PDB file of all heavy atoms in Angstrom:
ATOM      1  N   ASP A   1      -8.740 -22.911   6.118  1.00  0.00           N
ATOM      2  CA  ASP A   1      -7.641 -23.146   5.157  1.00  0.00           C
ATOM      3  C   ASP A   1      -7.520 -21.918   4.190  1.00  0.00           C
ATOM      4  O   ASP A   1      -6.636 -21.934   3.322  1.00  0.00           O
ATOM      5  CB  ASP A   1      -7.893 -24.362   4.253  1.00  0.00           C
ATOM      6  CG  ASP A   1      -7.724 -25.683   5.001  1.00  0.00           C
ATOM      7  OD1 ASP A   1      -7.075 -25.649   6.066  1.00  0.00           O
ATOM      8  OD2 ASP A   1      -8.342 -26.666   4.570  1.00  0.00           O
ATOM      9  N   VAL A   2      -8.321 -20.884   4.414  1.00  0.00           N
ATOM     10  CA  VAL A   2      -8.462 -19.795   3.437  1.00  0.00           C
ATOM     11  C   VAL A   2      -8.006 -18.494   4.058  1.00  0.00           C
ATOM     12  O   VAL A   2      -8.325 -18.116   5.244  1.00  0.00           O
ATOM     13  CB  VAL A   2      -9.877 -19.607   2.944  1.00  0.00           C
ATOM     14  CG1 VAL A   2     -10.025 -18.468   1.989  1.00  0.00           C
ATOM     15  CG2 VAL A   2     -10.332 -20.973   2.259  1.00  0.00           C
ATOM     16  N   LEU A   3      -7.281 -17.618   3.306  1.00  0.00           N
ATOM     17  CA  LEU A   3      -6.969 -16.262   3.709  1.00  0.00           C
ATOM     18  C   LEU A   3      -7.632 -15.325   2.660  1.00  0.00           C
ATOM     19  O   LEU A   3      -7.402 -15.441   1.447  1.00  0.00           O
ATOM     20  CB  LEU A   3      -5.451 -16.060   3.735  1.00  0.00           C
ATOM     21  CG  LEU A   3      -5.000 -14.624   4.200  1.00  0.00           C
ATOM     22  CD1 LEU A   3      -5.557 -14.329   5.587  1.00  0.00           C
ATOM     23  CD2 LEU A   3      -3.456 -14.576   4.134  1.00  0.00           C
ATOM     24  N   LEU A   4      -8.496 -14.436   3.178  1.00  0.00           N
ATOM     25  CA  LEU A   4      -9.150 -13.501   2.242  1.00  0.00           C
ATOM     26  C   LEU A   4      -8.380 -12.115   2.259  1.00  0.00           C
ATOM     27  O   LEU A   4      -7.781 -11.731   3.215  1.00  0.00           O
ATOM     28  CB  LEU A   4     -10.579 -13.226   2.812  1.00  0.00           C
ATOM     29  CG  LEU A   4     -11.513 -14.365   2.853  1.00  0.00           C
ATOM     30  CD1 LEU A   4     -12.855 -13.944   3.392  1.00  0.00           C
ATOM     31  CD2 LEU A   4     -11.664 -15.037   1.453  1.00  0.00           C
ATOM     32  N   HIS A   5      -8.428 -11.487   1.141  1.00  0.00           N
ATOM     33  CA  HIS A   5      -7.837 -10.127   0.984  1.00  0.00           C
ATOM     34  C   HIS A   5      -8.563  -9.347  -0.095  1.00  0.00           C
ATOM     35  O   HIS A   5      -9.105  -9.909  -1.061  1.00  0.00           O
ATOM     36  CB  HIS A   5      -6.363 -10.188   0.703  1.00  0.00           C
ATOM     37  CG  HIS A   5      -5.887 -11.411  -0.010  1.00  0.00           C
ATOM     38  ND1 HIS A   5      -5.698 -11.456  -1.393  1.00  0.00           N
ATOM     39  CD2 HIS A   5      -5.547 -12.673   0.436  1.00  0.00           C
ATOM     40  CE1 HIS A   5      -5.289 -12.665  -1.733  1.00  0.00           C
ATOM     41  NE2 HIS A   5      -5.226 -13.436  -0.662  1.00  0.00           N
ATOM     42  N   ASP A   6      -8.475  -8.000   0.031  1.00  0.00           N
ATOM     43  CA  ASP A   6      -9.111  -7.109  -0.937  1.00  0.00           C
ATOM     44  C   ASP A   6      -8.418  -7.123  -2.236  1.00  0.00           C
ATOM     45  O   ASP A   6      -7.177  -6.973  -2.336  1.00  0.00           O
ATOM     46  CB  ASP A   6      -9.066  -5.707  -0.298  1.00  0.00           C
ATOM     47  CG  ASP A   6      -9.832  -4.696  -1.211  1.00  0.00           C
ATOM     48  OD1 ASP A   6      -9.142  -4.084  -2.044  1.00  0.00           O
ATOM     49  OD2 ASP A   6     -11.005  -4.463  -0.972  1.00  0.00           O
ATOM     50  N   TYR A   7      -9.189  -7.257  -3.336  1.00  0.00           N
ATOM     51  CA  TYR A   7      -8.606  -7.361  -4.721  1.00  0.00           C
ATOM     52  C   TYR A   7      -7.881  -6.090  -5.091  1.00  0.00           C
ATOM     53  O   TYR A   7      -6.763  -6.133  -5.551  1.00  0.00           O
ATOM     54  CB  TYR A   7      -9.728  -7.616  -5.653  1.00  0.00           C
ATOM     55  CG  TYR A   7      -9.348  -7.502  -7.128  1.00  0.00           C
ATOM     56  CD1 TYR A   7      -8.503  -8.442  -7.725  1.00  0.00           C
ATOM     57  CD2 TYR A   7      -9.763  -6.391  -7.882  1.00  0.00           C
ATOM     58  CE1 TYR A   7      -8.134  -8.313  -9.050  1.00  0.00           C
ATOM     59  CE2 TYR A   7      -9.394  -6.255  -9.204  1.00  0.00           C
ATOM     60  CZ  TYR A   7      -8.629  -7.203  -9.826  1.00  0.00           C
ATOM     61  OH  TYR A   7      -8.230  -7.079 -11.130  1.00  0.00           O
ATOM     62  N   GLU A   8      -8.468  -4.943  -4.872  1.00  0.00           N
ATOM     63  CA  GLU A   8      -7.875  -3.661  -5.234  1.00  0.00           C
ATOM     64  C   GLU A   8      -6.577  -3.418  -4.429  1.00  0.00           C
ATOM     65  O   GLU A   8      -5.536  -3.013  -4.944  1.00  0.00           O
ATOM     66  CB  GLU A   8      -8.833  -2.441  -5.096  1.00  0.00           C
ATOM     67  CG  GLU A   8      -8.326  -1.180  -5.594  1.00  0.00           C
ATOM     68  CD  GLU A   8      -9.392  -0.075  -5.660  1.00  0.00           C
ATOM     69  OE1 GLU A   8     -10.571  -0.429  -5.225  1.00  0.00           O
ATOM     70  OE2 GLU A   8      -9.095   1.092  -5.939  1.00  0.00           O
ATOM     71  N   ALA A   9      -6.627  -3.689  -3.158  1.00  0.00           N
ATOM     72  CA  ALA A   9      -5.530  -3.441  -2.245  1.00  0.00           C
ATOM     73  C   ALA A   9      -4.339  -4.379  -2.574  1.00  0.00           C
ATOM     74  O   ALA A   9      -3.191  -3.936  -2.437  1.00  0.00           O
ATOM     75  CB  ALA A   9      -5.865  -3.645  -0.796  1.00  0.00           C
ATOM     76  N   TRP A  10      -4.568  -5.585  -3.114  1.00  0.00           N
ATOM     77  CA  TRP A  10      -3.485  -6.506  -3.485  1.00  0.00           C
ATOM     78  C   TRP A  10      -2.568  -5.893  -4.494  1.00  0.00           C
ATOM     79  O   TRP A  10      -1.361  -6.251  -4.563  1.00  0.00           O
ATOM     80  CB  TRP A  10      -4.112  -7.804  -4.047  1.00  0.00           C
ATOM     81  CG  TRP A  10      -3.120  -8.691  -4.771  1.00  0.00           C
ATOM     82  CD1 TRP A  10      -3.169  -9.061  -6.049  1.00  0.00           C
ATOM     83  CD2 TRP A  10      -1.924  -9.317  -4.199  1.00  0.00           C
ATOM     84  NE1 TRP A  10      -2.059  -9.855  -6.359  1.00  0.00           N
ATOM     85  CE2 TRP A  10      -1.301  -9.992  -5.235  1.00  0.00           C
ATOM     86  CE3 TRP A  10      -1.348  -9.300  -2.982  1.00  0.00           C
ATOM     87  CZ2 TRP A  10      -0.120 -10.715  -5.115  1.00  0.00           C
ATOM     88  CZ3 TRP A  10      -0.153 -10.037  -2.802  1.00  0.00           C
ATOM     89  CH2 TRP A  10       0.409 -10.735  -3.831  1.00  0.00           C
ATOM     90  N   HIS A  11      -3.008  -4.985  -5.359  1.00  0.00           N
ATOM     91  CA  HIS A  11      -2.158  -4.367  -6.324  1.00  0.00           C
ATOM     92  C   HIS A  11      -1.063  -3.489  -5.698  1.00  0.00           C
ATOM     93  O   HIS A  11      -0.104  -3.112  -6.455  1.00  0.00           O
ATOM     94  CB  HIS A  11      -3.030  -3.591  -7.293  1.00  0.00           C
ATOM     95  CG  HIS A  11      -3.811  -4.492  -8.188  1.00  0.00           C
ATOM     96  ND1 HIS A  11      -5.015  -5.055  -7.786  1.00  0.00           N
ATOM     97  CD2 HIS A  11      -3.627  -4.874  -9.482  1.00  0.00           C
ATOM     98  CE1 HIS A  11      -5.481  -5.826  -8.757  1.00  0.00           C
ATOM     99  NE2 HIS A  11      -4.701  -5.773  -9.783  1.00  0.00           N
ATOM    100  N   TYR A  12      -1.200  -3.124  -4.477  1.00  0.00           N
ATOM    101  CA  TYR A  12      -0.116  -2.322  -3.787  1.00  0.00           C
ATOM    102  C   TYR A  12       1.093  -3.208  -3.568  1.00  0.00           C
ATOM    103  O   TYR A  12       2.185  -2.824  -3.930  1.00  0.00           O
ATOM    104  CB  TYR A  12      -0.737  -1.645  -2.585  1.00  0.00           C
ATOM    105  CG  TYR A  12      -1.545  -0.442  -2.825  1.00  0.00           C
ATOM    106  CD1 TYR A  12      -2.791  -0.586  -3.434  1.00  0.00           C
ATOM    107  CD2 TYR A  12      -1.110   0.845  -2.615  1.00  0.00           C
ATOM    108  CE1 TYR A  12      -3.570   0.531  -3.780  1.00  0.00           C
ATOM    109  CE2 TYR A  12      -1.851   1.944  -2.923  1.00  0.00           C
ATOM    110  CZ  TYR A  12      -3.131   1.757  -3.462  1.00  0.00           C
ATOM    111  OH  TYR A  12      -3.884   2.885  -3.806  1.00  0.00           O
ATOM    112  N   PRO A  13       0.950  -4.364  -2.867  1.00  0.00           N
ATOM    113  CA  PRO A  13       2.110  -5.185  -2.789  1.00  0.00           C
ATOM    114  C   PRO A  13       2.634  -5.604  -4.187  1.00  0.00           C
ATOM    115  O   PRO A  13       3.862  -5.681  -4.379  1.00  0.00           O
ATOM    116  CB  PRO A  13       1.580  -6.430  -2.029  1.00  0.00           C
ATOM    117  CG  PRO A  13       0.362  -5.973  -1.271  1.00  0.00           C
ATOM    118  CD  PRO A  13      -0.136  -4.911  -2.135  1.00  0.00           C
ATOM    119  N   LEU A  14       1.735  -5.889  -5.099  1.00  0.00           N
ATOM    120  CA  LEU A  14       2.151  -6.352  -6.412  1.00  0.00           C
ATOM    121  C   LEU A  14       2.969  -5.315  -7.166  1.00  0.00           C
ATOM    122  O   LEU A  14       3.870  -5.760  -7.963  1.00  0.00           O
ATOM    123  CB  LEU A  14       0.847  -6.697  -7.222  1.00  0.00           C
ATOM    124  CG  LEU A  14       0.983  -7.636  -8.425  1.00  0.00           C
ATOM    125  CD1 LEU A  14       1.546  -8.975  -7.966  1.00  0.00           C
ATOM    126  CD2 LEU A  14      -0.366  -7.799  -9.067  1.00  0.00           C
ATOM    127  N   ASN A  15       2.778  -4.085  -6.829  1.00  0.00           N
ATOM    128  CA  ASN A  15       3.630  -3.011  -7.487  1.00  0.00           C
ATOM    129  C   ASN A  15       4.612  -2.333  -6.509  1.00  0.00           C
ATOM    130  O   ASN A  15       5.219  -1.327  -6.948  1.00  0.00           O
ATOM    131  CB  ASN A  15       2.666  -1.982  -8.057  1.00  0.00           C
ATOM    132  CG  ASN A  15       1.863  -2.501  -9.263  1.00  0.00           C
ATOM    133  OD1 ASN A  15       2.370  -2.498 -10.350  1.00  0.00           O
ATOM    134  ND2 ASN A  15       0.621  -2.881  -9.010  1.00  0.00           N
ATOM    135  N   TYR A  16       4.771  -2.921  -5.387  1.00  0.00           N
ATOM    136  CA  TYR A  16       5.668  -2.338  -4.292  1.00  0.00           C
ATOM    137  C   TYR A  16       5.309  -0.904  -4.032  1.00  0.00           C
ATOM    138  O   TYR A  16       6.151   0.049  -3.925  1.00  0.00           O
ATOM    139  CB  TYR A  16       7.110  -2.403  -4.754  1.00  0.00           C
ATOM    140  CG  TYR A  16       8.113  -2.300  -3.635  1.00  0.00           C
ATOM    141  CD1 TYR A  16       8.188  -3.266  -2.699  1.00  0.00           C
ATOM    142  CD2 TYR A  16       8.881  -1.169  -3.441  1.00  0.00           C
ATOM    143  CE1 TYR A  16       9.128  -3.214  -1.607  1.00  0.00           C
ATOM    144  CE2 TYR A  16       9.728  -1.046  -2.351  1.00  0.00           C
ATOM    145  CZ  TYR A  16       9.880  -2.073  -1.490  1.00  0.00           C
ATOM    146  OH  TYR A  16      10.775  -1.975  -0.401  1.00  0.00           O
ATOM    147  N   PHE A  17       3.967  -0.689  -3.811  1.00  0.00           N
ATOM    148  CA  PHE A  17       3.476   0.647  -3.342  1.00  0.00           C
ATOM    149  C   PHE A  17       3.263   0.610  -1.828  1.00  0.00           C
ATOM    150  O   PHE A  17       2.927  -0.468  -1.279  1.00  0.00           O
ATOM    151  CB  PHE A  17       2.176   0.945  -4.038  1.00  0.00           C
ATOM    152  CG  PHE A  17       2.211   1.194  -5.493  1.00  0.00           C
ATOM    153  CD1 PHE A  17       1.121   1.150  -6.322  1.00  0.00           C
ATOM    154  CD2 PHE A  17       3.457   1.452  -6.150  1.00  0.00           C
ATOM    155  CE1 PHE A  17       1.143   1.340  -7.688  1.00  0.00           C
ATOM    156  CE2 PHE A  17       3.516   1.675  -7.504  1.00  0.00           C
ATOM    157  CZ  PHE A  17       2.340   1.668  -8.294  1.00  0.00           C
ATOM    158  N   HIS A  18       3.308   1.779  -1.207  1.00  0.00           N
ATOM    159  CA  HIS A  18       2.980   1.920   0.170  1.00  0.00           C
ATOM    160  C   HIS A  18       1.445   2.082   0.256  1.00  0.00           C
ATOM    161  O   HIS A  18       0.861   2.811  -0.493  1.00  0.00           O
ATOM    162  CB  HIS A  18       3.628   3.168   0.739  1.00  0.00           C
ATOM    163  CG  HIS A  18       3.478   3.371   2.201  1.00  0.00           C
ATOM    164  ND1 HIS A  18       2.457   4.254   2.725  1.00  0.00           N
ATOM    165  CD2 HIS A  18       4.079   2.834   3.253  1.00  0.00           C
ATOM    166  CE1 HIS A  18       2.566   4.168   4.046  1.00  0.00           C
ATOM    167  NE2 HIS A  18       3.488   3.371   4.388  1.00  0.00           N
ATOM    168  N   LEU A  19       0.790   1.222   1.161  1.00  0.00           N
ATOM    169  CA  LEU A  19      -0.649   1.164   1.227  1.00  0.00           C
ATOM    170  C   LEU A  19      -1.104   1.954   2.493  1.00  0.00           C
ATOM    171  O   LEU A  19      -0.992   1.442   3.579  1.00  0.00           O
ATOM    172  CB  LEU A  19      -1.130  -0.250   1.211  1.00  0.00           C
ATOM    173  CG  LEU A  19      -2.594  -0.486   1.314  1.00  0.00           C
ATOM    174  CD1 LEU A  19      -3.430   0.246   0.290  1.00  0.00           C
ATOM    175  CD2 LEU A  19      -2.879  -2.007   1.405  1.00  0.00           C
ATOM    176  N   ALA A  20      -1.693   3.081   2.217  1.00  0.00           N
ATOM    177  CA  ALA A  20      -2.218   3.910   3.347  1.00  0.00           C
ATOM    178  C   ALA A  20      -3.030   5.031   2.759  1.00  0.00           C
ATOM    179  O   ALA A  20      -3.116   5.171   1.533  1.00  0.00           O
ATOM    180  CB  ALA A  20      -1.102   4.460   4.211  1.00  0.00           C
ATOM    181  N   ALA A  21      -3.666   5.853   3.633  1.00  0.00           N
ATOM    182  CA  ALA A  21      -4.305   7.042   3.101  1.00  0.00           C
ATOM    183  C   ALA A  21      -3.358   7.903   2.371  1.00  0.00           C
ATOM    184  O   ALA A  21      -2.097   7.857   2.672  1.00  0.00           O
ATOM    185  CB  ALA A  21      -4.902   7.791   4.249  1.00  0.00           C
ATOM    186  N   ARG A  22      -3.812   8.654   1.477  1.00  0.00           N
ATOM    187  CA  ARG A  22      -2.896   9.483   0.608  1.00  0.00           C
ATOM    188  C   ARG A  22      -1.938  10.339   1.354  1.00  0.00           C
ATOM    189  O   ARG A  22      -0.746  10.394   1.096  1.00  0.00           O
ATOM    190  CB  ARG A  22      -3.732  10.327  -0.354  1.00  0.00           C
ATOM    191  CG  ARG A  22      -2.925  11.206  -1.312  1.00  0.00           C
ATOM    192  CD  ARG A  22      -2.141  10.299  -2.292  1.00  0.00           C
ATOM    193  NE  ARG A  22      -1.377  11.101  -3.233  1.00  0.00           N
ATOM    194  CZ  ARG A  22      -1.772  11.542  -4.375  1.00  0.00           C
ATOM    195  NH1 ARG A  22      -3.015  11.129  -4.798  1.00  0.00           N
ATOM    196  NH2 ARG A  22      -1.058  12.170  -5.253  1.00  0.00           N
ATOM    197  N   ARG A  23      -2.429  11.022   2.382  1.00  0.00           N
ATOM    198  CA  ARG A  23      -1.517  11.924   3.088  1.00  0.00           C
ATOM    199  C   ARG A  23      -0.413  11.124   3.843  1.00  0.00           C
ATOM    200  O   ARG A  23       0.696  11.629   4.059  1.00  0.00           O
ATOM    201  CB  ARG A  23      -2.322  12.752   4.156  1.00  0.00           C
ATOM    202  CG  ARG A  23      -3.026  11.999   5.223  1.00  0.00           C
ATOM    203  CD  ARG A  23      -3.851  12.881   6.146  1.00  0.00           C
ATOM    204  NE  ARG A  23      -4.480  12.140   7.226  1.00  0.00           N
ATOM    205  CZ  ARG A  23      -5.494  11.332   7.136  1.00  0.00           C
ATOM    206  NH1 ARG A  23      -6.072  11.158   5.940  1.00  0.00           N
ATOM    207  NH2 ARG A  23      -5.929  10.656   8.168  1.00  0.00           N
ATOM    208  N   VAL A  24      -0.784   9.956   4.283  1.00  0.00           N
ATOM    209  CA  VAL A  24       0.234   9.072   5.043  1.00  0.00           C
ATOM    210  C   VAL A  24       1.304   8.619   4.073  1.00  0.00           C
ATOM    211  O   VAL A  24       2.491   8.591   4.382  1.00  0.00           O
ATOM    212  CB  VAL A  24      -0.522   7.963   5.756  1.00  0.00           C
ATOM    213  CG1 VAL A  24       0.490   7.016   6.421  1.00  0.00           C
ATOM    214  CG2 VAL A  24      -1.502   8.456   6.792  1.00  0.00           C
ATOM    215  N   SER A  25       0.812   8.121   2.918  1.00  0.00           N
ATOM    216  CA  SER A  25       1.780   7.624   1.952  1.00  0.00           C
ATOM    217  C   SER A  25       2.625   8.740   1.424  1.00  0.00           C
ATOM    218  O   SER A  25       3.874   8.550   1.097  1.00  0.00           O
ATOM    219  CB  SER A  25       1.040   6.888   0.778  1.00  0.00           C
ATOM    220  OG  SER A  25       0.531   5.708   1.169  1.00  0.00           O
ATOM    221  N   ASP A  26       2.095   9.959   1.209  1.00  0.00           N
ATOM    222  CA  ASP A  26       2.884  11.121   0.731  1.00  0.00           C
ATOM    223  C   ASP A  26       3.957  11.440   1.790  1.00  0.00           C
ATOM    224  O   ASP A  26       5.078  11.740   1.401  1.00  0.00           O
ATOM    225  CB  ASP A  26       1.960  12.303   0.532  1.00  0.00           C
ATOM    226  CG  ASP A  26       1.180  12.174  -0.769  1.00  0.00           C
ATOM    227  OD1 ASP A  26       1.488  11.257  -1.573  1.00  0.00           O
ATOM    228  OD2 ASP A  26       0.265  12.999  -0.986  1.00  0.00           O
ATOM    229  N   ARG A  27       3.608  11.406   3.068  1.00  0.00           N
ATOM    230  CA  ARG A  27       4.527  11.688   4.138  1.00  0.00           C
ATOM    231  C   ARG A  27       5.620  10.665   4.142  1.00  0.00           C
ATOM    232  O   ARG A  27       6.836  11.008   4.302  1.00  0.00           O
ATOM    233  CB  ARG A  27       3.796  11.785   5.487  1.00  0.00           C
ATOM    234  CG  ARG A  27       4.750  12.162   6.639  1.00  0.00           C
ATOM    235  CD  ARG A  27       3.971  12.560   7.876  1.00  0.00           C
ATOM    236  NE  ARG A  27       3.152  11.419   8.355  1.00  0.00           N
ATOM    237  CZ  ARG A  27       1.831  11.422   8.412  1.00  0.00           C
ATOM    238  NH1 ARG A  27       1.096  12.469   7.948  1.00  0.00           N
ATOM    239  NH2 ARG A  27       1.178  10.339   8.876  1.00  0.00           N
ATOM    240  N   PHE A  28       5.296   9.368   3.981  1.00  0.00           N
ATOM    241  CA  PHE A  28       6.276   8.306   3.918  1.00  0.00           C
ATOM    242  C   PHE A  28       7.185   8.461   2.767  1.00  0.00           C
ATOM    243  O   PHE A  28       8.424   8.247   2.868  1.00  0.00           O
ATOM    244  CB  PHE A  28       5.614   6.921   3.932  1.00  0.00           C
ATOM    245  CG  PHE A  28       6.554   5.791   3.863  1.00  0.00           C
ATOM    246  CD1 PHE A  28       7.383   5.490   4.964  1.00  0.00           C
ATOM    247  CD2 PHE A  28       6.695   5.058   2.696  1.00  0.00           C
ATOM    248  CE1 PHE A  28       8.271   4.428   4.893  1.00  0.00           C
ATOM    249  CE2 PHE A  28       7.558   4.006   2.661  1.00  0.00           C
ATOM    250  CZ  PHE A  28       8.315   3.683   3.750  1.00  0.00           C
ATOM    251  N   GLU A  29       6.648   8.836   1.600  1.00  0.00           N
ATOM    252  CA  GLU A  29       7.435   8.995   0.432  1.00  0.00           C
ATOM    253  C   GLU A  29       8.460  10.148   0.585  1.00  0.00           C
ATOM    254  O   GLU A  29       9.626   9.998   0.220  1.00  0.00           O
ATOM    255  CB  GLU A  29       6.570   9.328  -0.806  1.00  0.00           C
ATOM    256  CG  GLU A  29       7.292   9.365  -2.131  1.00  0.00           C
ATOM    257  CD  GLU A  29       6.379   9.445  -3.326  1.00  0.00           C
ATOM    258  OE1 GLU A  29       5.177   9.352  -3.098  1.00  0.00           O
ATOM    259  OE2 GLU A  29       6.925   9.598  -4.422  1.00  0.00           O
ATOM    260  N   ARG A  30       8.076  11.212   1.267  1.00  0.00           N
ATOM    261  CA  ARG A  30       8.980  12.310   1.498  1.00  0.00           C
ATOM    262  C   ARG A  30      10.075  11.867   2.486  1.00  0.00           C
ATOM    263  O   ARG A  30      11.299  12.278   2.327  1.00  0.00           O
ATOM    264  CB  ARG A  30       8.197  13.552   2.126  1.00  0.00           C
ATOM    265  CG  ARG A  30       7.323  14.267   1.104  1.00  0.00           C
ATOM    266  CD  ARG A  30       6.872  15.572   1.653  1.00  0.00           C
ATOM    267  NE  ARG A  30       6.033  15.451   2.823  1.00  0.00           N
ATOM    268  CZ  ARG A  30       4.746  15.351   2.874  1.00  0.00           C
ATOM    269  NH1 ARG A  30       4.075  15.273   1.757  1.00  0.00           N
ATOM    270  NH2 ARG A  30       4.113  15.167   4.060  1.00  0.00           N
ATOM    271  N   HIS A  31       9.717  11.055   3.451  1.00  0.00           N
ATOM    272  CA  HIS A  31      10.717  10.554   4.423  1.00  0.00           C
ATOM    273  C   HIS A  31      11.719   9.626   3.721  1.00  0.00           C
ATOM    274  O   HIS A  31      12.959   9.786   4.012  1.00  0.00           O
ATOM    275  CB  HIS A  31       9.933   9.753   5.465  1.00  0.00           C
ATOM    276  CG  HIS A  31      10.867   9.039   6.462  1.00  0.00           C
ATOM    277  ND1 HIS A  31      11.723   9.733   7.277  1.00  0.00           N
ATOM    278  CD2 HIS A  31      11.051   7.698   6.756  1.00  0.00           C
ATOM    279  CE1 HIS A  31      12.388   8.897   8.050  1.00  0.00           C
ATOM    280  NE2 HIS A  31      12.067   7.658   7.773  1.00  0.00           N
ATOM    281  N   CYS A  32      11.321   8.776   2.760  1.00  0.00           N
ATOM    282  CA  CYS A  32      12.217   7.998   2.072  1.00  0.00           C
ATOM    283  C   CYS A  32      13.145   8.838   1.219  1.00  0.00           C
ATOM    284  O   CYS A  32      14.381   8.572   1.125  1.00  0.00           O
ATOM    285  CB  CYS A  32      11.423   7.052   1.103  1.00  0.00           C
ATOM    286  SG  CYS A  32      10.548   5.718   1.938  1.00  0.00           S
ATOM    287  N   LYS A  33      12.652   9.803   0.556  1.00  0.00           N
ATOM    288  CA  LYS A  33      13.461  10.725  -0.225  1.00  0.00           C
ATOM    289  C   LYS A  33      14.527  11.469   0.644  1.00  0.00           C
ATOM    290  O   LYS A  33      15.687  11.542   0.196  1.00  0.00           O
ATOM    291  CB  LYS A  33      12.601  11.689  -0.974  1.00  0.00           C
ATOM    292  CG  LYS A  33      13.349  12.582  -1.969  1.00  0.00           C
ATOM    293  CD  LYS A  33      12.351  13.488  -2.767  1.00  0.00           C
ATOM    294  CE  LYS A  33      13.148  14.290  -3.832  1.00  0.00           C
ATOM    295  NZ  LYS A  33      12.205  15.151  -4.592  1.00  0.00           N
TER     296      LYS A  33
END
C-alpha cells in the first residue's frame, strides 16, 4: 500500500525543477531556451 521516494529529490517536482545530473539538466535548460 506504500510508495517510497527520496526526500531531497521530492523537492524537484515540488519546485518544477528538472531532476538529473547537473550537465543533463543544463543541457535540457538550454534546449528549452
